[in-house]
Amino acid sequence: MQLNHLSPAALAEELGQRLKQARLNANITQAELAKQAGVSRTIVMNAEKGQAQLENFVALLLALGLVEQLNSFLPRPQLSPLQLRKLEGKKRERATGSRGSVEHGTQREEDDEW
């Protein structure tokens, strides 16, 4: 199915239908899924219509054992070689230590003027 031409609302509805089919394939009722996900049955019904908050949608995926499919749905972006090169100079390799008024057990001269 080509998804590029669909509106955001139509895409959300398609995701809802896919969620519903996954629930039916698992032979789970809306009430059972809601209980497993820790949400209300209304949230399940709305999600199946494509009207769910992201956190609720993810909870339903977890309850259905489908959360690993998020890697296919939206893979973690890889950094380009240029981005990696830029970040190399910013990596911290050691702590700088605290810069308090006491160094090696003696008070610094600037602090004596107070």
C-alpha atoms as a PDB file:
ATOM      1  CA  MET A   1       0.000   0.000   0.000  1.00  0.00           C
ATOM      2  CA  GLN A   2       1.323   3.423  -0.962  1.00  0.00           C
ATOM      3  CA  LEU A   3       1.208   5.741   2.043  1.00  0.00           C
ATOM      4  CA  ASN A   4       2.887   8.820   0.551  1.00  0.00           C
ATOM      5  CA  HIS A   5      -0.323  10.250  -0.842  1.00  0.00           C
ATOM      6  CA  LEU A   6      -2.354   9.914   2.379  1.00  0.00           C
ATOM      7  CA  SER A   7      -3.167  12.797   4.691  1.00  0.00           C
ATOM      8  CA  PRO A   8      -2.004  12.667   8.328  1.00  0.00           C
ATOM      9  CA  ALA A   9      -5.549  11.788   9.401  1.00  0.00           C
ATOM     10  CA  ALA A  10      -5.733   8.975   6.836  1.00  0.00           C
ATOM     11  CA  LEU A  11      -2.343   7.655   7.939  1.00  0.00           C
ATOM     12  CA  ALA A  12      -3.469   7.682  11.568  1.00  0.00           C
ATOM     13  CA  GLU A  13      -6.616   5.808  10.565  1.00  0.00           C
ATOM     14  CA  GLU A  14      -4.487   3.232   8.717  1.00  0.00           C
ATOM     15  CA  LEU A  15      -2.333   2.730  11.827  1.00  0.00           C
ATOM     16  CA  GLY A  16      -5.505   2.277  13.855  1.00  0.00           C
ATOM     17  CA  GLN A  17      -6.772  -0.376  11.454  1.00  0.00           C
ATOM     18  CA  ARG A  18      -3.450  -2.181  11.637  1.00  0.00           C
ATOM     19  CA  LEU A  19      -3.577  -2.065  15.425  1.00  0.00           C
ATOM     20  CA  LYS A  20      -7.102  -3.499  15.353  1.00  0.00           C
ATOM     21  CA  GLN A  21      -6.033  -6.299  13.011  1.00  0.00           C
ATOM     22  CA  ALA A  22      -3.078  -7.120  15.269  1.00  0.00           C
ATOM     23  CA  ARG A  23      -5.453  -7.315  18.245  1.00  0.00           C
ATOM     24  CA  LEU A  24      -7.839  -9.573  16.327  1.00  0.00           C
ATOM     25  CA  ASN A  25      -4.955 -11.763  15.144  1.00  0.00           C
ATOM     26  CA  ALA A  26      -3.945 -12.178  18.804  1.00  0.00           C
ATOM     27  CA  ASN A  27      -7.580 -13.086  19.594  1.00  0.00           C
ATOM     28  CA  ILE A  28      -7.799 -10.407  22.300  1.00  0.00           C
ATOM     29  CA  THR A  29     -10.885  -8.319  23.032  1.00  0.00           C
ATOM     30  CA  GLN A  30     -10.688  -4.558  23.370  1.00  0.00           C
ATOM     31  CA  ALA A  31     -11.366  -4.914  27.104  1.00  0.00           C
ATOM     32  CA  GLU A  32      -8.554  -7.460  27.528  1.00  0.00           C
ATOM     33  CA  LEU A  33      -6.106  -5.301  25.603  1.00  0.00           C
ATOM     34  CA  ALA A  34      -7.093  -2.255  27.631  1.00  0.00           C
ATOM     35  CA  LYS A  35      -6.476  -4.131  30.877  1.00  0.00           C
ATOM     36  CA  GLN A  36      -3.087  -5.446  29.701  1.00  0.00           C
ATOM     37  CA  ALA A  37      -2.019  -1.987  28.536  1.00  0.00           C
ATOM     38  CA  GLY A  38      -3.305  -0.213  31.638  1.00  0.00           C
ATOM     39  CA  VAL A  39      -5.671   2.041  29.684  1.00  0.00           C
ATOM     40  CA  SER A  40      -9.431   2.298  29.286  1.00  0.00           C
ATOM     41  CA  ARG A  41     -11.430   0.473  26.645  1.00  0.00           C
ATOM     42  CA  THR A  42     -12.332   3.873  25.184  1.00  0.00           C
ATOM     43  CA  ILE A  43      -8.649   4.518  24.523  1.00  0.00           C
ATOM     44  CA  VAL A  44      -8.413   1.211  22.650  1.00  0.00           C
ATOM     45  CA  MET A  45     -11.501   2.083  20.598  1.00  0.00           C
ATOM     46  CA  ASN A  46     -10.105   5.525  19.783  1.00  0.00           C
ATOM     47  CA  ALA A  47      -6.691   4.095  18.892  1.00  0.00           C
ATOM     48  CA  GLU A  48      -8.326   1.684  16.472  1.00  0.00           C
ATOM     49  CA  LYS A  49      -9.977   4.692  14.820  1.00  0.00           C
ATOM     50  CA  GLY A  50      -6.614   6.431  14.541  1.00  0.00           C
ATOM     51  CA  GLN A  51      -7.294   8.870  17.356  1.00  0.00           C
ATOM     52  CA  ALA A  52      -4.789   7.975  20.071  1.00  0.00           C
ATOM     53  CA  GLN A  53      -2.112   9.849  21.922  1.00  0.00           C
ATOM     54  CA  LEU A  54       1.331   8.495  21.149  1.00  0.00           C
ATOM     55  CA  GLU A  55       1.944   7.241  24.693  1.00  0.00           C
ATOM     56  CA  ASN A  56      -1.316   5.264  24.651  1.00  0.00           C
ATOM     57  CA  PHE A  57      -0.536   3.845  21.215  1.00  0.00           C
ATOM     58  CA  VAL A  58       2.854   2.663  22.447  1.00  0.00           C
ATOM     59  CA  ALA A  59       1.241   1.114  25.543  1.00  0.00           C
ATOM     60  CA  LEU A  60      -1.052  -0.865  23.258  1.00  0.00           C
ATOM     61  CA  LEU A  61       1.891  -1.998  21.122  1.00  0.00           C
ATOM     62  CA  LEU A  62       3.687  -3.155  24.265  1.00  0.00           C
ATOM     63  CA  ALA A  63       0.630  -5.109  25.406  1.00  0.00           C
ATOM     64  CA  LEU A  64       0.377  -6.785  21.994  1.00  0.00           C
ATOM     65  CA  GLY A  65       4.106  -7.595  21.972  1.00  0.00           C
ATOM     66  CA  LEU A  66       4.648  -5.455  18.873  1.00  0.00           C
ATOM     67  CA  VAL A  67       6.941  -2.759  20.215  1.00  0.00           C
ATOM     68  CA  GLU A  68       9.977  -4.242  18.422  1.00  0.00           C
ATOM     69  CA  GLN A  69       8.273  -3.410  15.139  1.00  0.00           C
ATOM     70  CA  LEU A  70       8.939   0.245  15.918  1.00  0.00           C
ATOM     71  CA  ASN A  71      12.489  -0.396  14.713  1.00  0.00           C
ATOM     72  CA  SER A  72      11.083  -1.143  11.272  1.00  0.00           C
ATOM     73  CA  PHE A  73       8.531   1.638  11.505  1.00  0.00           C
ATOM     74  CA  LEU A  74      10.973   4.331  12.565  1.00  0.00           C
ATOM     75  CA  PRO A  75      14.585   3.125  12.746  1.00  0.00           C
ATOM     76  CA  ARG A  76      17.088   4.982  14.889  1.00  0.00           C
ATOM     77  CA  PRO A  77      18.828   7.519  12.623  1.00  0.00           C
ATOM     78  CA  GLN A  78      22.535   6.990  12.121  1.00  0.00           C
ATOM     79  CA  LEU A  79      24.956   9.884  12.357  1.00  0.00           C
ATOM     80  CA  SER A  80      26.656  10.839   9.131  1.00  0.00           C
ATOM     81  CA  PRO A  81      30.481  10.747   9.004  1.00  0.00           C
ATOM     82  CA  LEU A  82      30.497  14.563   9.032  1.00  0.00           C
ATOM     83  CA  GLN A  83      28.360  14.679  12.178  1.00  0.00           C
ATOM     84  CA  LEU A  84      30.595  12.092  13.842  1.00  0.00           C
ATOM     85  CA  ARG A  85      33.676  14.157  13.003  1.00  0.00           C
ATOM     86  CA  LYS A  86      32.127  17.305  14.508  1.00  0.00           C
ATOM     87  CA  LEU A  87      31.235  15.454  17.708  1.00  0.00           C
ATOM     88  CA  GLU A  88      34.719  13.985  18.134  1.00  0.00           C
ATOM     89  CA  GLY A  89      36.184  17.295  19.243  1.00  0.00           C
ATOM     90  CA  LYS A  90      33.478  17.710  21.849  1.00  0.00           C
ATOM     91  CA  LYS A  91      33.902  14.338  23.589  1.00  0.00           C
ATOM     92  CA  ARG A  92      34.962  14.660  27.200  1.00  0.00           C
ATOM     93  CA  GLU A  93      37.728  12.307  28.159  1.00  0.00           C
ATOM     94  CA  ARG A  94      38.163  13.288  31.813  1.00  0.00           C
ATOM     95  CA  ALA A  95      36.609  15.442  34.481  1.00  0.00           C
ATOM     96  CA  THR A  96      38.006  18.915  35.109  1.00  0.00           C
ATOM     97  CA  GLY A  97      37.529  18.698  38.856  1.00  0.00           C
ATOM     98  CA  SER A  98      35.872  21.224  41.120  1.00  0.00           C
ATOM     99  CA  ARG A  99      37.022  24.813  41.087  1.00  0.00           C
ATOM    100  CA  GLY A 100      36.341  25.744  44.675  1.00  0.00           C
ATOM    101  CA  SER A 101      38.186  28.256  46.812  1.00  0.00           C
ATOM    102  CA  VAL A 102      40.470  25.650  48.337  1.00  0.00           C
ATOM    103  CA  GLU A 103      43.216  24.051  46.247  1.00  0.00           C
ATOM    104  CA  HIS A 104      45.236  21.204  47.703  1.00  0.00           C
ATOM    105  CA  GLY A 105      44.278  22.141  51.254  1.00  0.00           C
ATOM    106  CA  THR A 106      45.472  25.770  51.078  1.00  0.00           C
ATOM    107  CA  GLN A 107      43.400  28.861  50.454  1.00  0.00           C
ATOM    108  CA  ARG A 108      43.996  30.712  47.185  1.00  0.00           C
ATOM    109  CA  GLU A 109      45.348  34.268  47.320  1.00  0.00           C
ATOM    110  CA  GLU A 110      42.312  35.764  45.562  1.00  0.00           C
ATOM    111  CA  ASP A 111      40.114  34.584  48.435  1.00  0.00           C
ATOM    112  CA  ASP A 112      42.301  36.333  51.066  1.00  0.00           C
ATOM    113  CA  GLU A 113      41.164  39.743  49.841  1.00  0.00           C
ATOM    114  CA  TRP A 114      37.605  39.172  51.008  1.00  0.00           C
END
